[in-house]
């Protein structure tokens, strides 16, 4: 019996890894890019849940920090947002072939646990690095002079 949910894969990771849709946005318009970033982030979290399941881990409950990351990074400075968008693209590029390999192992009836655990650890470390791009709480918002 497969450990994968019937609705897997959660999204087409290949189409999410590219940034071609950003070219459709008018110059300086962040709405399309922010929406794409949110979709990619959500797809990565869904993919990570599958990897966790294959690794024999309990699926994690995303923290507010994880859930709110796209909105927080959208409002952060340009360098943080651009770095996060590139990092999310890179993480999707890692997860896509990794999940494909895990699915192939699982389909053959072999134990996908050890390679899934390795991919989970890589995902977890990369996600932590992305989350570190978010500004510390309380540092954003309008500056007021006394």
Protein backbone atom coordinates (compact mmCIF):
# COMPACT_ATOMS: atom_id res chain seq x y z
CA UNK A 1 0.00 0.00 0.00
CA UNK A 2 1.31 3.44 -0.90
CA UNK A 3 2.01 5.97 1.84
CA UNK A 4 1.17 8.80 -0.53
CA UNK A 5 -2.10 10.69 -0.43
CA UNK A 6 -4.35 10.20 -3.47
CA UNK A 7 -4.05 13.86 -4.48
CA UNK A 8 -0.26 13.83 -4.80
CA UNK A 9 1.57 15.63 -6.35
CA UNK A 10 0.22 18.79 -4.71
CA UNK A 11 1.20 21.02 -7.61
CA UNK A 12 3.23 20.94 -10.77
CA UNK A 13 6.59 21.71 -9.20
CA UNK A 14 8.26 22.03 -12.61
CA UNK A 15 6.07 24.92 -13.66
CA UNK A 16 6.45 26.54 -10.25
CA UNK A 17 10.24 26.41 -10.35
CA UNK A 18 10.45 28.89 -13.21
CA UNK A 19 9.87 32.59 -12.94
CA UNK A 20 8.45 33.27 -16.41
CA UNK A 21 5.15 34.54 -15.03
CA UNK A 22 6.97 37.43 -13.37
CA UNK A 23 7.66 38.78 -16.86
CA UNK A 24 3.90 39.25 -17.29
CA UNK A 25 3.73 41.74 -14.43
CA UNK A 26 4.15 45.42 -15.19
CA UNK A 27 7.50 46.80 -14.09
CA UNK A 28 7.46 47.48 -10.37
CA UNK A 29 4.26 45.49 -9.79
CA UNK A 30 4.82 43.03 -6.96
CA UNK A 31 1.35 41.47 -6.86
CA UNK A 32 1.92 38.76 -9.48
CA UNK A 33 5.34 37.84 -8.14
CA UNK A 34 4.00 37.73 -4.58
CA UNK A 35 1.15 35.47 -5.63
CA UNK A 36 3.52 33.16 -7.47
CA UNK A 37 5.85 33.07 -4.47
CA UNK A 38 2.92 32.16 -2.20
CA UNK A 39 1.86 29.33 -4.52
CA UNK A 40 5.40 27.98 -4.76
CA UNK A 41 5.82 28.15 -0.98
CA UNK A 42 2.55 26.30 -0.40
CA UNK A 43 3.49 23.63 -2.96
CA UNK A 44 6.84 23.15 -1.26
CA UNK A 45 5.18 22.72 2.13
CA UNK A 46 2.79 20.13 0.64
CA UNK A 47 5.68 18.31 -1.01
CA UNK A 48 7.60 18.31 2.27
CA UNK A 49 4.64 16.62 3.98
CA UNK A 50 4.86 13.78 1.46
CA UNK A 51 8.60 13.48 2.01
CA UNK A 52 8.04 13.40 5.78
CA UNK A 53 5.48 10.64 5.37
CA UNK A 54 7.85 8.59 3.22
CA UNK A 55 10.59 9.16 5.82
CA UNK A 56 8.32 7.75 8.51
CA UNK A 57 7.87 11.09 10.26
CA UNK A 58 4.68 12.62 11.49
CA UNK A 59 3.62 15.38 9.11
CA UNK A 60 4.44 18.66 10.77
CA UNK A 61 1.94 21.32 11.58
CA UNK A 62 3.24 24.51 9.94
CA UNK A 63 4.02 27.28 12.40
CA UNK A 64 2.72 30.81 11.88
CA UNK A 65 6.26 31.75 10.84
CA UNK A 66 6.11 29.19 8.01
CA UNK A 67 2.53 29.99 7.00
CA UNK A 68 3.10 33.75 6.96
CA UNK A 69 6.50 33.72 5.29
CA UNK A 70 5.30 34.76 1.80
CA UNK A 71 3.42 37.77 3.20
CA UNK A 72 6.28 38.78 5.50
CA UNK A 73 8.88 38.50 2.76
CA UNK A 74 6.62 40.35 0.30
CA UNK A 75 6.67 43.34 2.62
CA UNK A 76 10.39 43.08 3.33
CA UNK A 77 13.03 45.02 1.43
CA UNK A 78 13.78 44.25 -2.18
CA UNK A 79 16.98 42.32 -1.49
CA UNK A 80 15.23 40.04 1.01
CA UNK A 81 12.30 39.41 -1.32
CA UNK A 82 14.51 38.74 -4.34
CA UNK A 83 16.79 36.43 -2.37
CA UNK A 84 13.78 34.55 -0.97
CA UNK A 85 12.21 34.16 -4.42
CA UNK A 86 15.46 32.74 -5.80
CA UNK A 87 15.82 30.48 -2.79
CA UNK A 88 12.28 29.17 -3.20
CA UNK A 89 13.00 28.47 -6.87
CA UNK A 90 16.19 26.64 -5.87
CA UNK A 91 14.37 24.61 -3.25
CA UNK A 92 11.70 23.62 -5.78
CA UNK A 93 14.49 22.57 -8.15
CA UNK A 94 15.87 20.28 -5.42
CA UNK A 95 12.53 18.86 -4.34
CA UNK A 96 11.21 18.01 -7.80
CA UNK A 97 13.81 15.38 -8.79
CA UNK A 98 14.08 14.22 -5.19
CA UNK A 99 10.38 13.47 -4.98
CA UNK A 100 10.42 11.85 -8.41
CA UNK A 101 13.18 9.52 -7.20
CA UNK A 102 11.34 8.76 -3.96
CA UNK A 103 8.16 7.98 -5.86
CA UNK A 104 10.08 5.62 -8.14
CA UNK A 105 11.60 3.85 -5.13
CA UNK A 106 8.20 3.66 -3.44
CA UNK A 107 6.52 2.35 -6.60
CA UNK A 108 9.03 -0.50 -6.76
CA UNK A 109 8.15 -1.48 -3.21
CA UNK A 110 11.58 -0.61 -1.86
CA UNK A 111 12.16 1.25 1.38
CA UNK A 112 12.09 4.96 0.58
CA UNK A 113 12.63 5.88 4.24
CA UNK A 114 16.40 6.57 4.29
CA UNK A 115 16.50 8.67 1.09
CA UNK A 116 13.31 10.45 2.15
CA UNK A 117 14.93 11.31 5.48
CA UNK A 118 17.95 12.72 3.64
CA UNK A 119 15.70 14.85 1.42
CA UNK A 120 13.70 15.96 4.46
CA UNK A 121 16.87 17.12 6.20
CA UNK A 122 17.97 19.05 3.11
CA UNK A 123 14.53 20.63 2.80
CA UNK A 124 14.42 21.52 6.48
CA UNK A 125 17.86 23.19 6.37
CA UNK A 126 17.04 25.13 3.20
CA UNK A 127 13.68 26.24 4.59
CA UNK A 128 15.33 27.41 7.81
CA UNK A 129 17.77 29.49 5.75
CA UNK A 130 14.86 31.04 3.84
CA UNK A 131 12.95 31.78 7.04
CA UNK A 132 16.05 33.54 8.37
CA UNK A 133 15.61 36.11 5.58
CA UNK A 134 12.47 37.43 7.25
CA UNK A 135 13.09 40.59 9.24
CA UNK A 136 12.84 40.22 13.01
CA UNK A 137 9.31 40.78 14.36
CA UNK A 138 8.54 44.40 15.15
CA UNK A 139 11.10 45.83 12.75
CA UNK A 140 8.71 46.47 9.90
CA UNK A 141 6.05 49.09 9.57
CA UNK A 142 6.08 52.84 9.34
CA UNK A 143 8.84 54.71 11.08
CA UNK A 144 7.63 57.31 13.45
CA UNK A 145 9.70 60.10 14.80
CA UNK A 146 9.20 61.20 18.38
